[in-house]
Amino acid sequence: MVPIWSEYSRANCLPDNCGCELVRVDQWLAQYSAFWSSFFYVIFALLLYYQIKEKSLALKLWVGSLLFLAFSSFFGHGSFLEFAMAMDFSGIVLVMSFFALFNFAQKKSISTPVLVLLLLIYQFLLCLSFYSLHKWFKVGICSVIFSVTILELIKTNGRDFLKEKNLKNALVWFGVAFVFFMIDEFKVMCDPESWLSGHSVWHLGTAVSLYYYGKARFRLN
């Protein structure tokens, strides 16, 4: 059966600039390894949620943003639609910018329904912004947001913010994950048919990194 994805605009990195893993545009799951490894986001999001006793609004929305990232990754690597890949990148931006947005909303005393609506609008606008952009331009935007997030952490916690064990773990896991992301993008030691790709290691590494980042934000030892 021909997948419904074939009727819509596919990712502009096709046919041969989408990383190492083979993209099967004629199947329902375009990338097996990258699709299934997206479950790591779900696993570590739920692990964090059940480890924290106080189910605050911030925690619920943060875990929700992680689950949205997981869904976007499933959708992106499963379909390789251009809009799905835009969702994937917008999900990355959401989890990196979440706490700055939430803290701003708290200072402005924005109600919960309005905050949720604003986050949904923010996510939609991010998707539109990322749509049809070149992949490396998207990566560049994410890198800028990552840098801003680090600066916000320094401003909030001072220069000694790296003394926080969970933040150090988060950065180490992210660094390792990013190395595998680049290895996959430049097709170093590349086996397109393998069930273990550099991008699947990226999913694992960033899922663990976000888990530790969440522990640091919610002061969980």
N, C-alpha and C. Protein backbone atom coordinates (compact mmCIF):
# COMPACT_ATOMS: atom_id res chain seq x y z
N MET A 1 0.84 -1.20 0.00
CA MET A 1 0.00 0.00 0.00
C MET A 1 0.89 1.25 0.00
N VAL A 2 0.61 2.17 -0.93
CA VAL A 2 1.38 3.40 -1.02
C VAL A 2 1.00 4.31 0.15
N PRO A 3 1.99 4.81 0.92
CA PRO A 3 1.67 5.65 2.08
C PRO A 3 1.05 6.98 1.66
N ILE A 4 0.19 7.49 2.53
CA ILE A 4 -0.47 8.77 2.25
C ILE A 4 0.54 9.91 2.16
N TRP A 5 1.74 9.73 2.78
CA TRP A 5 2.75 10.78 2.78
C TRP A 5 3.15 11.15 1.35
N SER A 6 3.07 10.20 0.42
CA SER A 6 3.54 10.45 -0.94
C SER A 6 2.73 11.51 -1.67
N GLU A 7 1.57 11.87 -1.13
CA GLU A 7 0.72 12.86 -1.77
C GLU A 7 1.07 14.29 -1.36
N TYR A 8 2.00 14.44 -0.42
CA TYR A 8 2.30 15.76 0.11
C TYR A 8 3.78 16.09 -0.06
N SER A 9 4.12 17.34 0.22
CA SER A 9 5.48 17.82 0.04
C SER A 9 6.43 17.14 1.03
N ARG A 10 7.46 16.50 0.50
CA ARG A 10 8.43 15.80 1.36
C ARG A 10 9.57 16.74 1.74
N ALA A 11 10.38 16.31 2.72
CA ALA A 11 11.47 17.13 3.25
C ALA A 11 12.42 17.56 2.14
N ASN A 12 12.86 18.83 2.22
CA ASN A 12 13.71 19.34 1.15
C ASN A 12 15.15 18.83 1.21
N CYS A 13 15.47 18.02 2.22
CA CYS A 13 16.81 17.41 2.26
C CYS A 13 16.90 16.20 1.32
N LEU A 14 15.75 15.70 0.88
CA LEU A 14 15.74 14.58 -0.05
C LEU A 14 16.30 15.03 -1.40
N PRO A 15 16.95 14.11 -2.15
CA PRO A 15 16.98 12.66 -1.93
C PRO A 15 18.18 12.13 -1.15
N ASP A 16 19.24 12.93 -1.01
CA ASP A 16 20.47 12.34 -0.46
C ASP A 16 21.16 13.22 0.58
N ASN A 17 20.42 14.13 1.23
CA ASN A 17 21.05 15.02 2.21
C ASN A 17 20.31 14.99 3.54
N CYS A 18 19.80 13.80 3.90
CA CYS A 18 19.01 13.66 5.14
C CYS A 18 19.73 12.81 6.18
N GLY A 19 21.05 12.83 6.16
CA GLY A 19 21.79 12.01 7.11
C GLY A 19 22.13 10.65 6.53
N CYS A 20 22.64 9.80 7.41
CA CYS A 20 23.14 8.50 6.95
C CYS A 20 22.01 7.51 6.65
N GLU A 21 21.05 7.40 7.56
CA GLU A 21 20.05 6.34 7.42
C GLU A 21 19.22 6.49 6.14
N LEU A 22 18.97 5.37 5.50
CA LEU A 22 18.17 5.34 4.28
C LEU A 22 16.77 5.88 4.55
N VAL A 23 16.29 6.75 3.67
CA VAL A 23 14.93 7.27 3.75
C VAL A 23 14.07 6.52 2.74
N ARG A 24 13.14 5.73 3.25
CA ARG A 24 12.28 4.89 2.40
C ARG A 24 11.00 5.66 2.09
N VAL A 25 11.03 6.46 1.05
CA VAL A 25 9.91 7.35 0.75
C VAL A 25 8.67 6.59 0.27
N ASP A 26 8.83 5.31 -0.05
CA ASP A 26 7.70 4.53 -0.54
C ASP A 26 7.05 3.68 0.54
N GLN A 27 7.46 3.91 1.82
CA GLN A 27 6.92 3.12 2.93
C GLN A 27 6.31 4.04 3.98
N TRP A 28 5.50 3.43 4.87
CA TRP A 28 4.86 4.20 5.94
C TRP A 28 5.87 4.72 6.95
N LEU A 29 6.93 3.96 7.22
CA LEU A 29 8.01 4.42 8.10
C LEU A 29 9.23 4.70 7.24
N ALA A 30 9.55 5.97 7.12
CA ALA A 30 10.65 6.35 6.23
C ALA A 30 12.02 5.97 6.80
N GLN A 31 12.21 6.14 8.10
CA GLN A 31 13.48 5.80 8.75
C GLN A 31 13.19 4.95 9.99
N TYR A 32 13.54 3.69 9.93
CA TYR A 32 13.23 2.78 11.03
C TYR A 32 13.95 3.15 12.32
N SER A 33 15.28 3.30 12.25
CA SER A 33 16.07 3.55 13.45
C SER A 33 15.70 4.88 14.11
N ALA A 34 15.62 5.93 13.32
CA ALA A 34 15.30 7.24 13.87
C ALA A 34 13.87 7.29 14.41
N PHE A 35 12.96 6.54 13.78
CA PHE A 35 11.57 6.51 14.26
C PHE A 35 11.49 5.85 15.62
N TRP A 36 11.98 4.62 15.73
CA TRP A 36 11.81 3.87 16.98
C TRP A 36 12.63 4.46 18.11
N SER A 37 13.79 5.05 17.81
CA SER A 37 14.60 5.64 18.88
C SER A 37 13.95 6.90 19.46
N SER A 38 12.93 7.44 18.79
CA SER A 38 12.21 8.59 19.32
C SER A 38 11.44 8.24 20.60
N PHE A 39 11.24 6.93 20.85
CA PHE A 39 10.59 6.49 22.09
C PHE A 39 11.39 6.89 23.32
N PHE A 40 12.69 7.13 23.17
CA PHE A 40 13.50 7.53 24.32
C PHE A 40 12.96 8.81 24.95
N TYR A 41 12.44 9.73 24.14
CA TYR A 41 11.88 10.97 24.68
C TYR A 41 10.67 10.68 25.58
N VAL A 42 9.86 9.74 25.16
CA VAL A 42 8.69 9.35 25.96
C VAL A 42 9.12 8.70 27.26
N ILE A 43 10.07 7.77 27.18
CA ILE A 43 10.53 7.03 28.34
C ILE A 43 11.10 7.96 29.41
N PHE A 44 12.00 8.85 29.00
CA PHE A 44 12.67 9.71 29.99
C PHE A 44 11.76 10.85 30.47
N ALA A 45 10.80 11.26 29.64
CA ALA A 45 9.83 12.26 30.08
C ALA A 45 8.95 11.68 31.19
N LEU A 46 8.46 10.47 30.98
CA LEU A 46 7.61 9.83 31.99
C LEU A 46 8.41 9.48 33.24
N LEU A 47 9.66 9.06 33.06
CA LEU A 47 10.51 8.76 34.22
C LEU A 47 10.67 9.99 35.10
N LEU A 48 10.93 11.13 34.48
CA LEU A 48 11.07 12.37 35.24
C LEU A 48 9.76 12.72 35.94
N TYR A 49 8.66 12.59 35.22
CA TYR A 49 7.35 12.95 35.77
C TYR A 49 7.04 12.15 37.03
N TYR A 50 7.29 10.84 37.00
CA TYR A 50 6.94 10.00 38.14
C TYR A 50 7.97 10.06 39.26
N GLN A 51 9.14 10.63 38.99
CA GLN A 51 10.14 10.79 40.05
C GLN A 51 9.88 12.04 40.89
N ILE A 52 9.16 12.99 40.32
CA ILE A 52 8.91 14.25 41.03
C ILE A 52 7.55 14.17 41.71
N LYS A 53 7.54 14.34 43.03
CA LYS A 53 6.30 14.17 43.80
C LYS A 53 5.30 15.29 43.54
N GLU A 54 5.78 16.53 43.52
CA GLU A 54 4.88 17.67 43.33
C GLU A 54 4.59 17.86 41.84
N LYS A 55 3.37 17.55 41.43
CA LYS A 55 2.99 17.65 40.02
C LYS A 55 2.55 19.09 39.71
N SER A 56 3.51 19.97 39.65
CA SER A 56 3.22 21.38 39.42
C SER A 56 2.81 21.62 37.97
N LEU A 57 2.27 22.81 37.72
CA LEU A 57 1.91 23.19 36.36
C LEU A 57 3.14 23.20 35.46
N ALA A 58 4.23 23.72 35.98
CA ALA A 58 5.46 23.76 35.19
C ALA A 58 5.89 22.36 34.78
N LEU A 59 5.82 21.42 35.71
CA LEU A 59 6.21 20.04 35.40
C LEU A 59 5.30 19.44 34.34
N LYS A 60 4.01 19.64 34.49
CA LYS A 60 3.06 19.06 33.52
C LYS A 60 3.28 19.63 32.12
N LEU A 61 3.49 20.94 32.04
CA LEU A 61 3.71 21.56 30.73
C LEU A 61 5.07 21.17 30.16
N TRP A 62 6.07 21.04 31.02
CA TRP A 62 7.41 20.64 30.56
C TRP A 62 7.36 19.22 30.00
N VAL A 63 6.73 18.30 30.74
CA VAL A 63 6.60 16.92 30.25
C VAL A 63 5.77 16.90 28.97
N GLY A 64 4.74 17.76 28.92
CA GLY A 64 3.95 17.86 27.70
C GLY A 64 4.79 18.30 26.51
N SER A 65 5.72 19.24 26.74
CA SER A 65 6.59 19.69 25.66
C SER A 65 7.53 18.58 25.21
N LEU A 66 7.99 17.74 26.15
CA LEU A 66 8.83 16.60 25.78
C LEU A 66 8.05 15.58 24.98
N LEU A 67 6.80 15.36 25.35
CA LEU A 67 5.97 14.41 24.61
C LEU A 67 5.64 14.96 23.22
N PHE A 68 5.48 16.28 23.12
CA PHE A 68 5.29 16.88 21.80
C PHE A 68 6.53 16.68 20.94
N LEU A 69 7.71 16.84 21.55
CA LEU A 69 8.95 16.60 20.83
C LEU A 69 9.01 15.16 20.34
N ALA A 70 8.60 14.22 21.19
CA ALA A 70 8.58 12.82 20.79
C ALA A 70 7.64 12.60 19.61
N PHE A 71 6.42 13.16 19.71
CA PHE A 71 5.45 13.01 18.63
C PHE A 71 6.00 13.61 17.33
N SER A 72 6.61 14.79 17.43
CA SER A 72 7.16 15.45 16.25
C SER A 72 8.27 14.62 15.62
N SER A 73 9.08 13.99 16.48
CA SER A 73 10.15 13.14 15.97
C SER A 73 9.59 11.89 15.29
N PHE A 74 8.58 11.29 15.92
CA PHE A 74 7.89 10.15 15.28
C PHE A 74 7.35 10.55 13.91
N PHE A 75 6.61 11.64 13.89
CA PHE A 75 5.96 12.11 12.67
C PHE A 75 6.99 12.47 11.60
N GLY A 76 8.04 13.18 12.03
CA GLY A 76 9.07 13.61 11.09
C GLY A 76 9.80 12.44 10.45
N HIS A 77 10.32 11.54 11.29
CA HIS A 77 11.11 10.44 10.75
C HIS A 77 10.25 9.32 10.16
N GLY A 78 8.98 9.32 10.52
CA GLY A 78 8.08 8.34 9.92
C GLY A 78 7.62 8.75 8.54
N SER A 79 7.33 10.03 8.36
CA SER A 79 6.74 10.50 7.11
C SER A 79 7.71 11.24 6.20
N PHE A 80 8.66 11.95 6.80
CA PHE A 80 9.57 12.85 6.08
C PHE A 80 8.81 13.87 5.24
N LEU A 81 7.65 14.29 5.77
CA LEU A 81 6.97 15.44 5.20
C LEU A 81 7.72 16.71 5.60
N GLU A 82 7.69 17.71 4.77
CA GLU A 82 8.39 18.95 5.08
C GLU A 82 7.81 19.60 6.34
N PHE A 83 6.48 19.57 6.48
CA PHE A 83 5.87 20.17 7.67
C PHE A 83 6.21 19.37 8.92
N ALA A 84 6.29 18.05 8.80
CA ALA A 84 6.64 17.20 9.94
C ALA A 84 8.06 17.48 10.41
N MET A 85 8.98 17.70 9.48
CA MET A 85 10.35 18.01 9.86
C MET A 85 10.42 19.40 10.51
N ALA A 86 9.55 20.32 10.05
CA ALA A 86 9.48 21.64 10.70
C ALA A 86 8.98 21.48 12.13
N MET A 87 8.01 20.58 12.34
CA MET A 87 7.53 20.30 13.69
C MET A 87 8.64 19.75 14.57
N ASP A 88 9.47 18.88 14.00
CA ASP A 88 10.57 18.27 14.75
C ASP A 88 11.50 19.35 15.27
N PHE A 89 11.90 20.27 14.42
CA PHE A 89 12.80 21.34 14.84
C PHE A 89 12.11 22.30 15.81
N SER A 90 10.83 22.58 15.57
CA SER A 90 10.11 23.48 16.47
C SER A 90 9.97 22.87 17.86
N GLY A 91 9.84 21.53 17.93
CA GLY A 91 9.79 20.85 19.22
C GLY A 91 11.09 21.00 19.99
N ILE A 92 12.20 20.99 19.26
CA ILE A 92 13.51 21.19 19.90
C ILE A 92 13.60 22.59 20.50
N VAL A 93 13.15 23.58 19.72
CA VAL A 93 13.18 24.97 20.21
C VAL A 93 12.27 25.12 21.43
N LEU A 94 11.11 24.48 21.40
CA LEU A 94 10.18 24.59 22.52
C LEU A 94 10.78 24.11 23.82
N VAL A 95 11.42 22.93 23.82
CA VAL A 95 11.96 22.40 25.08
C VAL A 95 13.14 23.25 25.57
N MET A 96 13.88 23.86 24.65
CA MET A 96 15.00 24.70 25.08
C MET A 96 14.53 26.04 25.63
N SER A 97 13.46 26.58 25.09
CA SER A 97 13.01 27.91 25.50
C SER A 97 11.88 27.86 26.52
N PHE A 98 11.44 26.66 26.89
CA PHE A 98 10.25 26.52 27.73
C PHE A 98 10.34 27.28 29.05
N PHE A 99 11.41 27.10 29.80
CA PHE A 99 11.48 27.67 31.14
C PHE A 99 11.55 29.20 31.11
N ALA A 100 12.21 29.75 30.11
CA ALA A 100 12.23 31.21 29.99
C ALA A 100 10.82 31.73 29.71
N LEU A 101 10.08 31.03 28.85
CA LEU A 101 8.71 31.44 28.55
C LEU A 101 7.80 31.27 29.76
N PHE A 102 7.96 30.14 30.45
CA PHE A 102 7.10 29.88 31.62
C PHE A 102 7.36 30.90 32.73
N ASN A 103 8.63 31.20 32.98
CA ASN A 103 8.95 32.17 34.03
C ASN A 103 8.42 33.56 33.68
N PHE A 104 8.48 33.91 32.40
CA PHE A 104 7.93 35.20 31.96
C PHE A 104 6.42 35.24 32.19
N ALA A 105 5.74 34.13 31.86
CA ALA A 105 4.29 34.06 32.05
C ALA A 105 3.92 34.16 33.53
N GLN A 106 4.73 33.55 34.38
CA GLN A 106 4.47 33.61 35.82
C GLN A 106 4.62 35.03 36.34
N LYS A 107 5.63 35.74 35.86
CA LYS A 107 5.84 37.12 36.30
C LYS A 107 4.69 38.02 35.86
N LYS A 108 4.13 37.72 34.70
CA LYS A 108 3.03 38.53 34.17
C LYS A 108 1.66 38.04 34.66
N SER A 109 1.67 37.03 35.53
CA SER A 109 0.44 36.46 36.10
C SER A 109 -0.55 36.01 35.02
N ILE A 110 -0.03 35.39 33.99
CA ILE A 110 -0.87 34.87 32.91
C ILE A 110 -1.57 33.61 33.38
N SER A 111 -2.86 33.51 33.16
CA SER A 111 -3.62 32.35 33.62
C SER A 111 -3.22 31.09 32.85
N THR A 112 -3.52 29.93 33.44
CA THR A 112 -3.13 28.66 32.83
C THR A 112 -3.73 28.46 31.44
N PRO A 113 -5.05 28.67 31.24
CA PRO A 113 -5.61 28.49 29.89
C PRO A 113 -4.96 29.39 28.84
N VAL A 114 -4.71 30.65 29.23
CA VAL A 114 -4.07 31.59 28.30
C VAL A 114 -2.64 31.16 28.01
N LEU A 115 -1.93 30.69 29.03
CA LEU A 115 -0.56 30.23 28.85
C LEU A 115 -0.51 29.05 27.88
N VAL A 116 -1.40 28.09 28.07
CA VAL A 116 -1.45 26.92 27.17
C VAL A 116 -1.73 27.37 25.75
N LEU A 117 -2.67 28.29 25.60
CA LEU A 117 -3.00 28.81 24.27
C LEU A 117 -1.79 29.50 23.64
N LEU A 118 -1.10 30.31 24.43
CA LEU A 118 0.08 31.01 23.92
C LEU A 118 1.18 30.03 23.50
N LEU A 119 1.36 28.96 24.27
CA LEU A 119 2.37 27.96 23.91
C LEU A 119 1.99 27.25 22.61
N LEU A 120 0.70 26.98 22.42
CA LEU A 120 0.25 26.35 21.18
C LEU A 120 0.47 27.27 19.98
N ILE A 121 0.15 28.56 20.17
CA ILE A 121 0.38 29.54 19.10
C ILE A 121 1.87 29.66 18.80
N TYR A 122 2.67 29.71 19.86
CA TYR A 122 4.13 29.78 19.72
C TYR A 122 4.64 28.59 18.92
N GLN A 123 4.13 27.40 19.23
CA GLN A 123 4.56 26.20 18.52
C GLN A 123 4.15 26.24 17.05
N PHE A 124 2.94 26.71 16.80
CA PHE A 124 2.46 26.81 15.42
C PHE A 124 3.30 27.79 14.61
N LEU A 125 3.63 28.93 15.22
CA LEU A 125 4.44 29.93 14.54
C LEU A 125 5.86 29.41 14.28
N LEU A 126 6.38 28.63 15.22
CA LEU A 126 7.69 28.02 15.00
C LEU A 126 7.66 27.07 13.81
N CYS A 127 6.60 26.27 13.73
CA CYS A 127 6.46 25.33 12.60
C CYS A 127 6.44 26.08 11.28
N LEU A 128 5.68 27.16 11.22
CA LEU A 128 5.62 27.96 10.00
C LEU A 128 6.98 28.57 9.67
N SER A 129 7.70 29.00 10.71
CA SER A 129 9.00 29.63 10.50
C SER A 129 10.02 28.64 9.96
N PHE A 130 9.96 27.40 10.44
CA PHE A 130 10.92 26.39 10.01
C PHE A 130 10.56 25.76 8.67
N TYR A 131 9.33 25.92 8.25
CA TYR A 131 8.88 25.27 7.02
C TYR A 131 9.69 25.75 5.82
N SER A 132 10.21 24.79 5.06
CA SER A 132 10.97 25.03 3.82
C SER A 132 12.35 25.64 4.02
N LEU A 133 12.76 25.87 5.28
CA LEU A 133 14.13 26.34 5.50
C LEU A 133 15.12 25.22 5.23
N HIS A 134 16.31 25.58 4.78
CA HIS A 134 17.37 24.59 4.59
C HIS A 134 17.72 23.97 5.94
N LYS A 135 18.06 22.68 5.92
CA LYS A 135 18.30 21.95 7.16
C LYS A 135 19.36 22.63 8.03
N TRP A 136 20.46 23.08 7.44
CA TRP A 136 21.52 23.65 8.25
C TRP A 136 21.16 25.03 8.79
N PHE A 137 20.24 25.70 8.12
CA PHE A 137 19.72 26.95 8.67
C PHE A 137 18.89 26.66 9.92
N LYS A 138 18.11 25.58 9.86
CA LYS A 138 17.33 25.16 11.03
C LYS A 138 18.26 24.80 12.20
N VAL A 139 19.32 24.06 11.88
CA VAL A 139 20.29 23.68 12.91
C VAL A 139 20.93 24.93 13.52
N GLY A 140 21.21 25.91 12.67
CA GLY A 140 21.80 27.16 13.15
C GLY A 140 20.88 27.90 14.11
N ILE A 141 19.58 27.95 13.78
CA ILE A 141 18.62 28.60 14.67
C ILE A 141 18.57 27.88 16.02
N CYS A 142 18.55 26.55 15.98
CA CYS A 142 18.54 25.77 17.23
C CYS A 142 19.79 26.03 18.05
N SER A 143 20.93 26.19 17.38
CA SER A 143 22.19 26.47 18.08
C SER A 143 22.13 27.83 18.78
N VAL A 144 21.51 28.81 18.12
CA VAL A 144 21.36 30.14 18.74
C VAL A 144 20.47 30.05 19.97
N ILE A 145 19.35 29.33 19.86
CA ILE A 145 18.44 29.17 21.00
C ILE A 145 19.14 28.44 22.14
N PHE A 146 19.96 27.44 21.80
CA PHE A 146 20.73 26.72 22.82
C PHE A 146 21.67 27.67 23.55
N SER A 147 22.35 28.54 22.81
CA SER A 147 23.27 29.51 23.41
C SER A 147 22.53 30.47 24.32
N VAL A 148 21.36 30.92 23.89
CA VAL A 148 20.55 31.82 24.71
C VAL A 148 20.12 31.14 26.00
N THR A 149 19.78 29.85 25.90
CA THR A 149 19.39 29.09 27.08
C THR A 149 20.54 28.98 28.09
N ILE A 150 21.74 28.75 27.58
CA ILE A 150 22.92 28.69 28.46
C ILE A 150 23.14 30.05 29.14
N LEU A 151 22.99 31.13 28.38
CA LEU A 151 23.16 32.46 28.96
C LEU A 151 22.11 32.73 30.03
N GLU A 152 20.89 32.25 29.80
CA GLU A 152 19.82 32.42 30.79
C GLU A 152 20.13 31.65 32.06
N LEU A 153 20.72 30.45 31.92
CA LEU A 153 21.12 29.66 33.08
C LEU A 153 22.21 30.38 33.87
N ILE A 154 23.16 30.96 33.15
CA ILE A 154 24.24 31.69 33.81
C ILE A 154 23.68 32.90 34.56
N LYS A 155 22.74 33.60 33.92
CA LYS A 155 22.13 34.77 34.55
C LYS A 155 21.34 34.37 35.80
N THR A 156 20.65 33.23 35.74
CA THR A 156 19.82 32.79 36.85
C THR A 156 20.63 32.20 37.99
N ASN A 157 21.65 31.42 37.65
CA ASN A 157 22.39 30.67 38.67
C ASN A 157 23.80 31.20 38.91
N GLY A 158 24.23 32.19 38.14
CA GLY A 158 25.58 32.69 38.30
C GLY A 158 26.59 31.85 37.54
N ARG A 159 27.83 32.26 37.59
CA ARG A 159 28.88 31.55 36.86
C ARG A 159 29.16 30.16 37.40
N ASP A 160 28.67 29.89 38.59
CA ASP A 160 28.91 28.58 39.19
C ASP A 160 27.81 27.58 38.83
N PHE A 161 27.04 27.89 37.77
CA PHE A 161 25.91 27.01 37.47
C PHE A 161 26.35 25.59 37.11
N LEU A 162 27.59 25.44 36.63
CA LEU A 162 28.07 24.10 36.26
C LEU A 162 28.41 23.24 37.48
N LYS A 163 28.37 23.84 38.67
CA LYS A 163 28.57 23.03 39.87
C LYS A 163 27.36 22.14 40.14
N GLU A 164 26.24 22.46 39.52
CA GLU A 164 25.04 21.65 39.63
C GLU A 164 25.26 20.35 38.85
N LYS A 165 25.25 19.21 39.57
CA LYS A 165 25.59 17.92 38.97
C LYS A 165 24.68 17.58 37.80
N ASN A 166 23.39 17.82 37.96
CA ASN A 166 22.45 17.45 36.89
C ASN A 166 22.67 18.28 35.63
N LEU A 167 23.03 19.56 35.80
CA LEU A 167 23.32 20.38 34.64
C LEU A 167 24.57 19.91 33.92
N LYS A 168 25.58 19.52 34.69
CA LYS A 168 26.79 18.98 34.08
C LYS A 168 26.48 17.71 33.31
N ASN A 169 25.68 16.84 33.91
CA ASN A 169 25.31 15.61 33.22
C ASN A 169 24.53 15.91 31.93
N ALA A 170 23.65 16.90 32.02
CA ALA A 170 22.86 17.28 30.84
C ALA A 170 23.76 17.75 29.71
N LEU A 171 24.74 18.58 30.04
CA LEU A 171 25.63 19.11 29.00
C LEU A 171 26.54 18.04 28.43
N VAL A 172 27.01 17.13 29.27
CA VAL A 172 27.87 16.04 28.78
C VAL A 172 27.10 15.14 27.82
N TRP A 173 25.89 14.75 28.23
CA TRP A 173 25.08 13.90 27.36
C TRP A 173 24.74 14.61 26.06
N PHE A 174 24.45 15.91 26.15
CA PHE A 174 24.15 16.65 24.92
C PHE A 174 25.37 16.72 24.02
N GLY A 175 26.54 16.96 24.61
CA GLY A 175 27.77 17.04 23.81
C GLY A 175 28.05 15.75 23.07
N VAL A 176 27.91 14.62 23.77
CA VAL A 176 28.13 13.32 23.13
C VAL A 176 27.09 13.10 22.03
N ALA A 177 25.84 13.44 22.32
CA ALA A 177 24.77 13.27 21.33
C ALA A 177 25.04 14.10 20.08
N PHE A 178 25.52 15.34 20.28
CA PHE A 178 25.77 16.21 19.14
C PHE A 178 26.90 15.69 18.27
N VAL A 179 27.90 15.07 18.88
CA VAL A 179 28.98 14.44 18.10
C VAL A 179 28.40 13.38 17.17
N PHE A 180 27.50 12.54 17.71
CA PHE A 180 26.90 11.49 16.89
C PHE A 180 25.96 12.09 15.84
N PHE A 181 25.32 13.21 16.16
CA PHE A 181 24.49 13.90 15.18
C PHE A 181 25.33 14.33 13.98
N MET A 182 26.51 14.92 14.25
CA MET A 182 27.38 15.37 13.18
C MET A 182 27.97 14.19 12.41
N ILE A 183 28.32 13.13 13.12
CA ILE A 183 28.83 11.92 12.45
C ILE A 183 27.80 11.40 11.47
N ASP A 184 26.53 11.41 11.90
CA ASP A 184 25.46 10.93 11.03
C ASP A 184 25.26 11.86 9.85
N GLU A 185 25.27 13.17 10.09
CA GLU A 185 25.03 14.13 9.01
C GLU A 185 26.11 14.07 7.94
N PHE A 186 27.36 13.87 8.36
CA PHE A 186 28.46 13.81 7.41
C PHE A 186 28.78 12.39 6.95
N LYS A 187 27.92 11.45 7.38
CA LYS A 187 27.97 10.06 6.91
C LYS A 187 29.33 9.41 7.14
N VAL A 188 29.86 9.63 8.34
CA VAL A 188 31.10 8.98 8.77
C VAL A 188 30.75 7.58 9.26
N MET A 189 31.49 6.58 8.81
CA MET A 189 31.21 5.17 9.16
C MET A 189 29.72 4.86 8.94
N CYS A 190 29.25 5.21 7.77
CA CYS A 190 27.82 5.18 7.49
C CYS A 190 27.36 3.85 6.89
N ASP A 191 26.34 3.28 7.51
CA ASP A 191 25.66 2.10 6.96
C ASP A 191 24.18 2.46 6.85
N PRO A 192 23.71 2.84 5.68
CA PRO A 192 22.33 3.32 5.53
C PRO A 192 21.26 2.32 5.94
N GLU A 193 21.59 1.03 5.94
CA GLU A 193 20.59 0.00 6.25
C GLU A 193 20.63 -0.42 7.72
N SER A 194 21.56 0.13 8.50
CA SER A 194 21.72 -0.30 9.88
C SER A 194 20.55 0.15 10.76
N TRP A 195 20.22 -0.68 11.76
CA TRP A 195 19.20 -0.32 12.73
C TRP A 195 19.76 0.55 13.84
N LEU A 196 21.08 0.77 13.85
CA LEU A 196 21.70 1.67 14.82
C LEU A 196 22.40 2.77 14.04
N SER A 197 21.81 3.95 14.04
CA SER A 197 22.38 5.07 13.31
C SER A 197 22.87 6.14 14.28
N GLY A 198 23.69 7.04 13.76
CA GLY A 198 24.14 8.15 14.59
C GLY A 198 22.98 9.00 15.07
N HIS A 199 21.95 9.11 14.25
CA HIS A 199 20.81 9.93 14.64
C HIS A 199 20.00 9.27 15.76
N SER A 200 19.96 7.94 15.78
CA SER A 200 19.26 7.27 16.87
C SER A 200 20.02 7.46 18.18
N VAL A 201 21.36 7.51 18.11
CA VAL A 201 22.16 7.81 19.32
C VAL A 201 21.90 9.27 19.74
N TRP A 202 21.72 10.15 18.78
CA TRP A 202 21.35 11.54 19.07
C TRP A 202 20.04 11.58 19.87
N HIS A 203 19.06 10.78 19.46
CA HIS A 203 17.79 10.74 20.18
C HIS A 203 17.98 10.26 21.62
N LEU A 204 18.76 9.19 21.79
CA LEU A 204 19.02 8.68 23.14
C LEU A 204 19.75 9.73 23.98
N GLY A 205 20.81 10.29 23.42
CA GLY A 205 21.62 11.26 24.17
C GLY A 205 20.85 12.50 24.56
N THR A 206 20.05 13.04 23.64
CA THR A 206 19.29 14.24 23.97
C THR A 206 18.14 13.94 24.92
N ALA A 207 17.57 12.74 24.83
CA ALA A 207 16.52 12.36 25.79
C ALA A 207 17.08 12.30 27.21
N VAL A 208 18.24 11.70 27.37
CA VAL A 208 18.88 11.64 28.68
C VAL A 208 19.29 13.04 29.13
N SER A 209 19.81 13.84 28.20
CA SER A 209 20.20 15.21 28.52
C SER A 209 19.01 16.02 29.02
N LEU A 210 17.87 15.90 28.36
CA LEU A 210 16.67 16.63 28.78
C LEU A 210 16.15 16.12 30.12
N TYR A 211 16.34 14.85 30.37
CA TYR A 211 15.96 14.27 31.67
C TYR A 211 16.76 14.93 32.80
N TYR A 212 18.08 15.01 32.62
CA TYR A 212 18.91 15.65 33.64
C TYR A 212 18.64 17.15 33.72
N TYR A 213 18.37 17.77 32.59
CA TYR A 213 18.05 19.19 32.57
C TYR A 213 16.76 19.44 33.36
N GLY A 214 15.78 18.58 33.17
CA GLY A 214 14.54 18.69 33.94
C GLY A 214 14.78 18.49 35.43
N LYS A 215 15.64 17.53 35.78
CA LYS A 215 15.96 17.31 37.19
C LYS A 215 16.61 18.55 37.80
N ALA A 216 17.47 19.21 37.02
CA ALA A 216 18.12 20.42 37.53
C ALA A 216 17.10 21.54 37.71
N ARG A 217 16.22 21.69 36.76
CA ARG A 217 15.23 22.77 36.82
C ARG A 217 14.24 22.57 37.98
N PHE A 218 13.89 21.31 38.24
CA PHE A 218 12.91 21.02 39.30
C PHE A 218 13.58 20.61 40.60
N ARG A 219 14.92 20.83 40.66
CA ARG A 219 15.68 20.61 41.90
C ARG A 219 15.51 19.18 42.43
N LEU A 220 15.62 18.21 41.52
CA LEU A 220 15.53 16.81 41.91
C LEU A 220 16.93 16.23 41.95
N ASN A 221 17.34 15.69 43.10
CA ASN A 221 18.69 15.12 43.26
C ASN A 221 18.80 13.78 42.57
